[in-house]
N, C-alpha and C. Protein backbone atom coordinates (compact mmCIF):
# COMPACT_ATOMS: atom_id res chain seq x y z
N MET A 1 66.01 172.58 -122.22
CA MET A 1 65.31 171.57 -122.96
C MET A 1 66.26 170.54 -123.50
N ASN A 2 67.50 170.92 -123.74
CA ASN A 2 68.48 170.03 -124.18
C ASN A 2 68.73 168.94 -123.07
N LYS A 3 68.54 169.30 -121.90
CA LYS A 3 68.77 168.42 -120.84
C LYS A 3 67.63 167.38 -120.77
N LYS A 4 66.47 167.83 -121.03
CA LYS A 4 65.28 166.90 -121.04
C LYS A 4 65.39 165.89 -122.24
N LEU A 5 65.85 166.50 -123.38
CA LEU A 5 66.05 165.66 -124.50
C LEU A 5 67.10 164.60 -124.30
N THR A 6 68.15 164.97 -123.70
CA THR A 6 69.34 164.06 -123.46
C THR A 6 68.83 163.01 -122.48
N LEU A 7 68.14 163.35 -121.47
CA LEU A 7 67.60 162.39 -120.51
C LEU A 7 66.60 161.36 -121.18
N ALA A 8 65.75 161.90 -121.99
CA ALA A 8 64.82 161.07 -122.69
C ALA A 8 65.49 160.16 -123.68
N LEU A 9 66.51 160.61 -124.31
CA LEU A 9 67.26 159.75 -125.24
C LEU A 9 67.94 158.70 -124.48
N LEU A 10 68.58 159.05 -123.37
CA LEU A 10 69.36 158.09 -122.50
C LEU A 10 68.34 157.09 -122.01
N ALA A 11 67.20 157.47 -121.57
CA ALA A 11 66.21 156.48 -121.04
C ALA A 11 65.76 155.57 -122.19
N ALA A 12 65.59 156.05 -123.43
CA ALA A 12 65.14 155.26 -124.54
C ALA A 12 66.20 154.24 -124.87
N LEU A 13 67.47 154.72 -124.89
CA LEU A 13 68.57 153.76 -125.16
C LEU A 13 68.67 152.71 -124.10
N THR A 14 68.47 153.05 -122.84
CA THR A 14 68.50 152.18 -121.77
C THR A 14 67.42 151.03 -121.91
N LEU A 15 66.23 151.54 -122.29
CA LEU A 15 65.09 150.61 -122.54
C LEU A 15 65.45 149.67 -123.67
N LEU A 16 65.93 150.16 -124.75
CA LEU A 16 66.25 149.33 -125.86
C LEU A 16 67.37 148.30 -125.54
N ALA A 17 68.31 148.69 -124.76
CA ALA A 17 69.39 147.78 -124.30
C ALA A 17 68.78 146.69 -123.42
N ALA A 18 67.87 147.03 -122.57
CA ALA A 18 67.28 146.13 -121.68
C ALA A 18 66.33 145.12 -122.40
N CYS A 19 65.70 145.56 -123.42
CA CYS A 19 64.77 144.67 -124.21
C CYS A 19 65.47 143.84 -125.23
N LYS A 20 66.74 144.13 -125.46
CA LYS A 20 67.41 143.38 -126.46
C LYS A 20 67.50 141.91 -126.04
N GLU A 21 67.22 140.97 -127.02
CA GLU A 21 67.16 139.66 -126.73
C GLU A 21 68.59 139.12 -126.46
N LYS A 22 68.74 138.33 -125.34
CA LYS A 22 70.04 137.73 -125.07
C LYS A 22 70.32 136.59 -125.85
N LYS A 23 71.54 136.36 -126.31
CA LYS A 23 71.94 135.25 -127.12
C LYS A 23 71.82 133.98 -126.26
N GLN A 24 71.06 132.96 -126.77
CA GLN A 24 70.98 131.68 -126.05
C GLN A 24 72.05 130.79 -126.56
N THR A 25 72.69 130.01 -125.65
CA THR A 25 73.60 128.96 -126.05
C THR A 25 73.20 127.59 -125.71
N GLN A 26 73.68 126.68 -126.31
CA GLN A 26 73.47 125.27 -126.05
C GLN A 26 74.47 124.62 -125.16
N ASP A 27 75.37 125.41 -124.76
CA ASP A 27 76.44 124.93 -123.87
C ASP A 27 75.94 124.74 -122.47
N ILE A 28 76.24 123.51 -121.93
CA ILE A 28 75.86 123.17 -120.55
C ILE A 28 77.21 123.01 -119.80
N ILE A 29 77.31 123.82 -118.73
CA ILE A 29 78.52 123.72 -117.94
C ILE A 29 78.19 122.92 -116.75
N ALA A 30 78.93 121.73 -116.55
CA ALA A 30 78.72 120.89 -115.38
C ALA A 30 80.09 120.55 -114.85
N PRO A 31 80.21 120.42 -113.57
CA PRO A 31 81.50 119.96 -113.01
C PRO A 31 81.88 118.61 -113.49
N LYS A 32 83.06 118.26 -113.68
CA LYS A 32 83.53 116.97 -114.12
C LYS A 32 83.41 116.06 -112.92
N VAL A 33 82.74 114.94 -113.06
CA VAL A 33 82.51 113.91 -111.96
C VAL A 33 83.62 112.88 -112.11
N GLU A 34 84.36 112.69 -111.03
CA GLU A 34 85.42 111.72 -111.05
C GLU A 34 84.92 110.38 -110.39
N ALA A 35 85.29 109.34 -110.96
CA ALA A 35 84.99 108.00 -110.37
C ALA A 35 85.65 107.90 -108.99
N PRO A 36 84.95 107.33 -108.10
CA PRO A 36 85.59 107.16 -106.72
C PRO A 36 86.84 106.33 -106.83
N LYS A 37 87.80 106.74 -106.06
CA LYS A 37 89.11 106.00 -106.04
C LYS A 37 88.84 104.72 -105.11
N PRO A 38 89.44 103.65 -105.54
CA PRO A 38 89.28 102.36 -104.79
C PRO A 38 89.89 102.59 -103.34
N SER A 39 89.19 102.15 -102.39
CA SER A 39 89.75 102.19 -101.00
C SER A 39 90.50 100.92 -100.69
N GLY A 40 90.91 100.80 -99.45
CA GLY A 40 91.58 99.54 -99.11
C GLY A 40 90.75 98.32 -99.24
N PRO A 41 91.22 97.15 -99.11
CA PRO A 41 90.47 95.96 -99.32
C PRO A 41 89.12 95.95 -98.45
N ILE A 42 88.07 95.46 -99.05
CA ILE A 42 86.72 95.43 -98.36
C ILE A 42 86.60 94.02 -97.95
N ARG A 43 86.08 93.82 -96.70
CA ARG A 43 85.86 92.52 -96.08
C ARG A 43 84.39 92.34 -95.78
N MET A 44 83.89 91.11 -95.96
CA MET A 44 82.50 90.88 -95.57
C MET A 44 82.54 90.67 -94.02
N GLN A 45 81.34 90.92 -93.39
CA GLN A 45 81.22 90.75 -92.00
C GLN A 45 81.31 89.18 -91.64
N PRO A 46 82.07 88.93 -90.55
CA PRO A 46 82.07 87.51 -90.19
C PRO A 46 80.74 87.05 -89.67
N TYR A 47 80.44 85.74 -89.77
CA TYR A 47 79.26 85.17 -89.11
C TYR A 47 79.56 83.84 -88.57
N ASP A 48 78.85 83.57 -87.50
CA ASP A 48 78.94 82.22 -86.77
C ASP A 48 77.54 81.83 -86.38
N THR A 49 77.06 80.76 -87.06
CA THR A 49 75.64 80.33 -86.69
C THR A 49 75.72 78.86 -86.29
N THR A 50 74.76 78.40 -85.50
CA THR A 50 74.71 77.09 -85.00
C THR A 50 73.17 76.63 -85.16
N SER A 51 73.08 75.39 -85.69
CA SER A 51 71.70 74.84 -85.90
C SER A 51 71.70 73.49 -85.13
N ASP A 52 70.63 73.26 -84.40
CA ASP A 52 70.48 71.93 -83.72
C ASP A 52 69.73 71.04 -84.76
N VAL A 53 70.22 69.84 -84.96
CA VAL A 53 69.62 68.99 -85.93
C VAL A 53 69.50 67.53 -85.37
N GLN A 54 68.56 66.86 -85.82
CA GLN A 54 68.41 65.43 -85.58
C GLN A 54 68.94 64.70 -86.90
N TRP A 55 69.94 63.89 -86.72
CA TRP A 55 70.59 63.30 -87.92
C TRP A 55 70.93 61.88 -87.55
N LEU A 56 70.43 60.98 -88.35
CA LEU A 56 70.67 59.57 -88.09
C LEU A 56 70.27 59.08 -86.67
N GLY A 57 69.16 59.69 -86.23
CA GLY A 57 68.55 59.30 -84.96
C GLY A 57 69.31 59.94 -83.74
N LYS A 58 70.26 60.89 -83.95
CA LYS A 58 70.94 61.45 -82.82
C LYS A 58 70.92 62.97 -82.95
N ALA A 59 71.15 63.66 -81.85
CA ALA A 59 71.23 65.16 -81.86
C ALA A 59 72.61 65.60 -82.22
N TYR A 60 72.67 66.58 -83.03
CA TYR A 60 73.94 67.17 -83.48
C TYR A 60 73.78 68.70 -83.47
N LYS A 61 74.92 69.43 -83.36
CA LYS A 61 74.94 70.82 -83.59
C LYS A 61 75.74 71.09 -84.84
N VAL A 62 75.20 71.85 -85.81
CA VAL A 62 75.95 72.16 -87.02
C VAL A 62 76.28 73.65 -86.95
N GLN A 63 77.66 73.90 -86.88
CA GLN A 63 78.09 75.24 -86.75
C GLN A 63 78.75 75.64 -88.09
N VAL A 64 78.43 76.91 -88.62
CA VAL A 64 79.00 77.42 -89.73
C VAL A 64 79.67 78.78 -89.48
N VAL A 65 80.97 78.89 -89.74
CA VAL A 65 81.67 80.15 -89.35
C VAL A 65 82.37 80.64 -90.67
N ARG A 66 81.99 81.90 -90.92
CA ARG A 66 82.59 82.61 -92.11
C ARG A 66 83.62 83.74 -91.58
N THR A 67 84.74 83.70 -92.11
CA THR A 67 85.79 84.74 -91.82
C THR A 67 86.52 85.18 -93.02
N ALA A 68 86.71 86.51 -93.14
CA ALA A 68 87.54 87.02 -94.25
C ALA A 68 88.97 86.58 -93.97
N ASN A 69 89.65 86.18 -95.01
CA ASN A 69 90.95 85.63 -94.79
C ASN A 69 92.08 86.18 -95.69
N ASP A 70 92.90 86.98 -95.06
CA ASP A 70 93.96 87.68 -95.81
C ASP A 70 94.99 86.85 -96.53
N SER A 71 95.06 85.52 -96.14
CA SER A 71 95.99 84.64 -96.79
C SER A 71 95.53 84.12 -98.08
N LEU A 72 94.17 84.29 -98.40
CA LEU A 72 93.72 83.87 -99.73
C LEU A 72 93.93 84.96 -100.73
N PRO A 73 94.01 84.63 -102.01
CA PRO A 73 94.21 85.69 -103.04
C PRO A 73 92.97 86.66 -102.95
N MET A 74 93.30 87.95 -103.02
CA MET A 74 92.28 88.93 -103.07
C MET A 74 91.80 89.10 -104.51
N VAL A 75 90.57 89.56 -104.65
CA VAL A 75 90.00 89.74 -106.02
C VAL A 75 89.73 91.25 -106.21
N LYS A 76 89.69 91.58 -107.54
CA LYS A 76 89.45 93.08 -107.87
C LYS A 76 88.31 93.10 -108.74
N ASP A 77 87.50 94.18 -108.64
CA ASP A 77 86.37 94.31 -109.57
C ASP A 77 86.86 95.24 -110.68
N GLU A 78 86.01 95.61 -111.60
CA GLU A 78 86.37 96.35 -112.73
C GLU A 78 86.79 97.74 -112.43
N THR A 79 86.53 98.30 -111.21
CA THR A 79 87.04 99.62 -110.83
C THR A 79 88.37 99.56 -110.16
N GLY A 80 88.83 98.35 -109.90
CA GLY A 80 90.17 98.26 -109.24
C GLY A 80 89.99 98.07 -107.69
N GLN A 81 88.76 98.08 -107.19
CA GLN A 81 88.57 97.85 -105.73
C GLN A 81 88.85 96.41 -105.42
N THR A 82 89.71 96.23 -104.39
CA THR A 82 90.05 94.84 -103.91
C THR A 82 89.07 94.37 -102.81
N PHE A 83 88.88 93.01 -102.79
CA PHE A 83 88.05 92.40 -101.74
C PHE A 83 88.83 91.23 -101.22
N VAL A 84 88.60 91.02 -99.92
CA VAL A 84 89.21 89.89 -99.22
C VAL A 84 88.24 88.66 -99.37
N ASP A 85 88.74 87.55 -99.83
CA ASP A 85 87.93 86.34 -99.92
C ASP A 85 87.70 85.72 -98.55
N ASN A 86 86.78 84.81 -98.47
CA ASN A 86 86.36 84.21 -97.24
C ASN A 86 86.69 82.78 -97.12
N ARG A 87 86.86 82.32 -95.89
CA ARG A 87 87.06 80.88 -95.56
C ARG A 87 85.85 80.59 -94.73
N ILE A 88 85.22 79.40 -95.02
CA ILE A 88 84.06 79.00 -94.17
C ILE A 88 84.29 77.65 -93.67
N ALA A 89 84.07 77.53 -92.37
CA ALA A 89 84.26 76.24 -91.66
C ALA A 89 82.90 75.68 -91.29
N VAL A 90 82.78 74.35 -91.46
CA VAL A 90 81.57 73.66 -91.01
C VAL A 90 82.02 72.69 -89.96
N ILE A 91 81.46 72.81 -88.76
CA ILE A 91 81.78 71.86 -87.66
C ILE A 91 80.55 71.20 -87.17
N VAL A 92 80.55 69.84 -87.23
CA VAL A 92 79.36 69.06 -86.75
C VAL A 92 79.80 68.45 -85.37
N ARG A 93 79.04 68.78 -84.39
CA ARG A 93 79.37 68.29 -82.95
C ARG A 93 78.33 67.31 -82.55
N ARG A 94 78.80 66.31 -81.88
CA ARG A 94 77.90 65.38 -81.19
C ARG A 94 77.27 65.97 -79.96
N ALA A 95 76.27 65.32 -79.36
CA ALA A 95 75.62 65.82 -78.18
C ALA A 95 76.61 66.07 -77.00
N ASP A 96 77.66 65.28 -77.00
CA ASP A 96 78.69 65.43 -75.86
C ASP A 96 79.71 66.55 -76.18
N GLY A 97 79.62 67.27 -77.39
CA GLY A 97 80.47 68.29 -77.71
C GLY A 97 81.63 67.91 -78.56
N SER A 98 81.91 66.68 -78.75
CA SER A 98 83.04 66.16 -79.55
C SER A 98 82.66 66.44 -81.02
N VAL A 99 83.74 66.66 -81.77
CA VAL A 99 83.66 67.05 -83.21
C VAL A 99 83.50 65.70 -84.02
N ALA A 100 82.42 65.65 -84.77
CA ALA A 100 82.13 64.45 -85.54
C ALA A 100 82.67 64.77 -87.01
N ILE A 101 82.58 65.94 -87.48
CA ILE A 101 83.00 66.32 -88.84
C ILE A 101 83.48 67.74 -88.83
N SER A 102 84.61 68.05 -89.38
CA SER A 102 85.08 69.40 -89.49
C SER A 102 85.64 69.68 -91.02
N LYS A 103 85.00 70.52 -91.66
CA LYS A 103 85.48 70.84 -93.08
C LYS A 103 85.62 72.34 -93.22
N THR A 104 86.61 72.75 -93.97
CA THR A 104 86.83 74.06 -94.31
C THR A 104 86.79 74.32 -95.80
N PHE A 105 86.03 75.42 -96.23
CA PHE A 105 85.86 75.63 -97.63
C PHE A 105 86.44 76.93 -98.02
N THR A 106 87.06 77.02 -99.21
CA THR A 106 87.30 78.35 -99.83
C THR A 106 86.79 78.26 -101.25
N LYS A 107 86.88 79.41 -101.98
CA LYS A 107 86.42 79.42 -103.32
C LYS A 107 87.09 78.38 -104.18
N ALA A 108 88.42 78.08 -103.86
CA ALA A 108 89.08 77.07 -104.68
C ALA A 108 88.37 75.66 -104.65
N TYR A 109 87.74 75.42 -103.59
CA TYR A 109 87.03 74.11 -103.42
C TYR A 109 85.93 73.94 -104.45
N PHE A 110 85.37 75.09 -104.89
CA PHE A 110 84.22 75.10 -105.83
C PHE A 110 84.64 75.46 -107.26
N GLU A 111 85.94 75.50 -107.55
CA GLU A 111 86.35 75.94 -108.86
C GLU A 111 85.81 75.21 -110.07
N ARG A 112 85.66 73.95 -109.93
CA ARG A 112 85.22 73.21 -111.08
C ARG A 112 83.67 73.46 -111.32
N HIS A 113 83.01 74.11 -110.42
CA HIS A 113 81.59 74.38 -110.60
C HIS A 113 81.33 75.85 -110.97
N ILE A 114 82.37 76.68 -111.13
CA ILE A 114 82.10 78.04 -111.51
C ILE A 114 82.94 78.38 -112.75
N ASP A 115 82.53 79.39 -113.43
CA ASP A 115 83.22 79.78 -114.66
C ASP A 115 84.44 80.68 -114.44
N ALA A 116 85.27 80.83 -115.36
CA ALA A 116 86.46 81.69 -115.26
C ALA A 116 86.28 83.10 -114.69
N HIS A 117 85.20 83.67 -115.05
CA HIS A 117 84.84 85.04 -114.61
C HIS A 117 84.70 85.01 -113.00
N TYR A 118 83.96 84.07 -112.52
CA TYR A 118 83.77 84.00 -111.07
C TYR A 118 85.07 83.51 -110.40
N ARG A 119 85.86 82.69 -111.01
CA ARG A 119 87.13 82.27 -110.46
C ARG A 119 88.04 83.50 -110.25
N GLU A 120 88.00 84.42 -111.18
CA GLU A 120 88.87 85.53 -111.16
C GLU A 120 88.34 86.65 -110.29
N MET A 121 87.01 86.90 -110.40
CA MET A 121 86.43 88.15 -109.76
C MET A 121 85.50 87.83 -108.62
N GLY A 122 85.19 86.60 -108.38
CA GLY A 122 84.28 86.22 -107.36
C GLY A 122 84.93 85.87 -105.97
N ILE A 123 84.03 85.87 -104.97
CA ILE A 123 84.48 85.47 -103.63
C ILE A 123 83.44 84.47 -103.16
N LEU A 124 83.90 83.62 -102.17
CA LEU A 124 82.96 82.69 -101.46
C LEU A 124 82.09 83.53 -100.54
N GLU A 125 80.88 83.76 -100.89
CA GLU A 125 79.99 84.62 -100.05
C GLU A 125 79.44 83.90 -98.83
N GLY A 126 78.91 82.75 -99.02
CA GLY A 126 78.29 82.13 -97.94
C GLY A 126 77.99 80.63 -98.00
N LEU A 127 77.72 80.05 -96.90
CA LEU A 127 77.34 78.62 -96.85
C LEU A 127 76.48 78.48 -95.61
N VAL A 128 75.27 78.00 -95.81
CA VAL A 128 74.29 77.97 -94.71
C VAL A 128 73.67 76.60 -94.70
N PHE A 129 73.36 76.05 -93.47
CA PHE A 129 72.76 74.71 -93.32
C PHE A 129 71.35 74.79 -93.91
N ASP A 130 70.93 73.80 -94.68
CA ASP A 130 69.64 73.80 -95.29
C ASP A 130 68.73 72.77 -94.68
N LYS A 131 69.20 71.44 -94.77
CA LYS A 131 68.32 70.42 -94.20
C LYS A 131 69.09 69.09 -94.06
N VAL A 132 68.49 68.16 -93.34
CA VAL A 132 69.04 66.75 -93.29
C VAL A 132 68.26 66.00 -94.49
N ASP A 133 69.05 65.27 -95.21
CA ASP A 133 68.51 64.47 -96.30
C ASP A 133 69.12 63.07 -96.22
N GLY A 134 68.46 62.21 -95.48
CA GLY A 134 68.95 60.77 -95.23
C GLY A 134 70.22 60.90 -94.39
N ASN A 135 71.38 60.35 -94.97
CA ASN A 135 72.65 60.40 -94.30
C ASN A 135 73.42 61.58 -94.66
N PHE A 136 72.83 62.60 -95.29
CA PHE A 136 73.51 63.81 -95.70
C PHE A 136 73.00 65.02 -94.96
N LEU A 137 73.97 65.91 -94.65
CA LEU A 137 73.63 67.29 -94.23
C LEU A 137 73.73 68.14 -95.48
N GLN A 138 72.65 68.85 -95.78
CA GLN A 138 72.68 69.61 -97.00
C GLN A 138 72.81 71.12 -96.69
N PHE A 139 73.70 71.80 -97.47
CA PHE A 139 73.96 73.12 -97.30
C PHE A 139 73.73 73.91 -98.63
N ALA A 140 73.51 75.23 -98.54
CA ALA A 140 73.37 76.09 -99.69
C ALA A 140 74.62 76.93 -99.68
N ALA A 141 75.34 77.05 -100.76
CA ALA A 141 76.57 77.88 -100.80
C ALA A 141 76.43 78.89 -102.02
N SER A 142 77.24 79.90 -101.98
CA SER A 142 77.30 80.78 -103.13
C SER A 142 78.63 81.39 -103.28
N VAL A 143 79.00 81.56 -104.58
CA VAL A 143 80.17 82.31 -104.95
C VAL A 143 79.59 83.54 -105.73
N CYS A 144 79.95 84.74 -105.24
CA CYS A 144 79.29 85.99 -105.73
C CYS A 144 80.36 86.89 -106.33
N LEU A 145 79.94 87.83 -107.15
CA LEU A 145 80.63 89.02 -107.51
C LEU A 145 80.47 90.00 -106.39
N PRO A 146 81.51 90.37 -105.72
CA PRO A 146 81.34 91.33 -104.50
C PRO A 146 80.50 92.52 -104.80
N GLN A 147 79.72 92.89 -103.80
CA GLN A 147 78.86 94.04 -103.80
C GLN A 147 77.91 94.17 -105.07
N THR A 148 77.45 92.94 -105.52
CA THR A 148 76.42 92.81 -106.52
C THR A 148 75.44 91.72 -106.02
N ASP A 149 74.35 91.60 -106.76
CA ASP A 149 73.51 90.42 -106.55
C ASP A 149 73.67 89.30 -107.48
N GLU A 150 74.89 89.31 -108.14
CA GLU A 150 75.11 88.24 -109.02
C GLU A 150 75.99 87.18 -108.31
N TYR A 151 75.50 85.86 -108.41
CA TYR A 151 76.18 84.75 -107.73
C TYR A 151 75.83 83.40 -108.37
N ILE A 152 76.67 82.50 -108.06
CA ILE A 152 76.41 81.09 -108.54
C ILE A 152 75.95 80.31 -107.35
N PRO A 153 74.77 79.77 -107.34
CA PRO A 153 74.27 78.91 -106.18
C PRO A 153 74.74 77.58 -106.23
N LEU A 154 75.22 77.03 -105.18
CA LEU A 154 75.70 75.63 -105.08
C LEU A 154 75.05 74.84 -104.07
N GLU A 155 74.93 73.64 -104.19
CA GLU A 155 74.44 72.68 -103.18
C GLU A 155 75.62 71.83 -102.68
N VAL A 156 75.80 71.82 -101.38
CA VAL A 156 76.87 71.12 -100.74
C VAL A 156 76.30 70.01 -99.85
N LYS A 157 76.70 68.75 -100.04
CA LYS A 157 76.19 67.73 -99.14
C LYS A 157 77.41 67.08 -98.49
N ILE A 158 77.21 66.84 -97.22
CA ILE A 158 78.28 66.09 -96.39
C ILE A 158 77.65 64.85 -95.81
N ASP A 159 78.22 63.68 -96.08
CA ASP A 159 77.58 62.52 -95.55
C ASP A 159 78.17 62.21 -94.22
N ASN A 160 77.64 61.15 -93.57
CA ASN A 160 78.01 60.79 -92.21
C ASN A 160 79.49 60.35 -92.08
N PHE A 161 80.14 60.11 -93.13
CA PHE A 161 81.59 59.81 -93.09
C PHE A 161 82.48 61.04 -93.37
N GLY A 162 81.91 62.15 -93.62
CA GLY A 162 82.59 63.38 -93.90
C GLY A 162 82.88 63.60 -95.39
N ASN A 163 82.33 62.76 -96.21
CA ASN A 163 82.62 62.96 -97.76
C ASN A 163 81.68 64.12 -98.16
N VAL A 164 82.28 64.93 -99.09
CA VAL A 164 81.56 66.11 -99.55
C VAL A 164 81.25 65.92 -101.02
N SER A 165 80.06 66.32 -101.48
CA SER A 165 79.70 66.43 -102.86
C SER A 165 79.16 67.84 -103.07
N VAL A 166 79.48 68.36 -104.24
CA VAL A 166 79.00 69.70 -104.60
C VAL A 166 78.33 69.65 -106.03
N GLU A 167 77.27 70.38 -106.15
CA GLU A 167 76.52 70.55 -107.51
C GLU A 167 76.15 71.97 -107.58
N ARG A 168 75.96 72.44 -108.85
CA ARG A 168 75.41 73.72 -108.99
C ARG A 168 73.91 73.55 -108.72
N ASP A 169 73.35 74.53 -107.96
CA ASP A 169 71.91 74.43 -107.55
C ASP A 169 71.11 75.13 -108.63
N SER A 170 70.21 74.38 -109.22
CA SER A 170 69.36 74.91 -110.29
C SER A 170 68.06 75.50 -109.71
N GLU A 171 67.73 75.18 -108.51
CA GLU A 171 66.53 75.67 -107.87
C GLU A 171 66.94 76.80 -106.94
N LEU A 172 66.21 77.98 -107.08
CA LEU A 172 66.48 79.15 -106.21
C LEU A 172 65.39 79.13 -105.16
N ASP A 173 65.74 79.55 -103.88
CA ASP A 173 64.76 79.83 -102.86
C ASP A 173 64.13 81.12 -103.08
N THR A 174 62.89 81.17 -103.47
CA THR A 174 62.27 82.41 -103.82
C THR A 174 61.15 82.74 -102.82
N ASN A 175 60.81 81.88 -101.89
CA ASN A 175 59.75 82.17 -100.97
C ASN A 175 60.23 82.61 -99.60
N GLY A 176 61.58 82.66 -99.44
CA GLY A 176 62.20 83.17 -98.21
C GLY A 176 62.10 82.36 -97.00
N THR A 177 61.66 81.04 -97.15
CA THR A 177 61.55 80.19 -96.03
C THR A 177 62.63 79.21 -95.85
N GLY A 178 63.53 79.17 -96.76
CA GLY A 178 64.59 78.19 -96.81
C GLY A 178 64.19 76.83 -97.48
N GLU A 179 62.93 76.70 -97.76
CA GLU A 179 62.40 75.60 -98.59
C GLU A 179 62.34 75.98 -100.05
N HIS A 180 62.49 75.04 -100.94
CA HIS A 180 62.41 75.32 -102.34
C HIS A 180 60.93 75.60 -102.60
N ASP A 181 60.68 76.56 -103.47
CA ASP A 181 59.33 77.03 -103.81
C ASP A 181 58.84 76.18 -104.97
N ASP A 182 58.52 74.88 -104.74
CA ASP A 182 58.12 74.04 -105.83
C ASP A 182 56.69 74.33 -106.25
N ASP A 183 55.83 74.88 -105.35
CA ASP A 183 54.46 75.11 -105.61
C ASP A 183 54.23 76.25 -106.65
N ASN A 184 55.20 77.12 -106.82
CA ASN A 184 55.01 78.26 -107.64
C ASN A 184 56.05 78.35 -108.77
N ASP A 185 56.12 77.34 -109.53
CA ASP A 185 57.03 77.25 -110.65
C ASP A 185 56.67 78.22 -111.76
N ASP A 186 55.41 78.66 -111.86
CA ASP A 186 55.08 79.58 -112.92
C ASP A 186 55.20 81.02 -112.51
N VAL A 187 55.74 81.38 -111.35
CA VAL A 187 55.87 82.76 -110.84
C VAL A 187 57.07 83.37 -111.55
């Protein structure tokens, strides 16, 4: 009988131990997340586009070529990641293929139109042909903070003598057609 009593006592103690409430803690154990280490310099993809235009009564081809350029100063973002800045060439060719106008742009060309933050951390993202406006070829350009959607829009005009004018563009293309969305100012 001693044996039965011992077994019953052992079983009761086991049940009591199993039913005992476990101590809850507020500690959360999570692995430490490290910020990614900057990799080598990041380059934008090159592009080369050509548009056929009628300008001053004649046919022209307007070519825009963007290339990342290692000879330009590189920029760093707040994580230390470096980015290669771009050089963009605009070549206007006559119908016979001869070059009428050739201009090359870097971020430095637009420095007086951008603030110090964009001068230090921005790159020349793009320049695209927009339209013919009288004796001007009009382009949209942008200086951006790399890998963000933050940029300064610029309007570049080149006249038939090759003179260039630049202004900050206050109108944004929001309808995706390349035309300014003047009809939906309240959107």
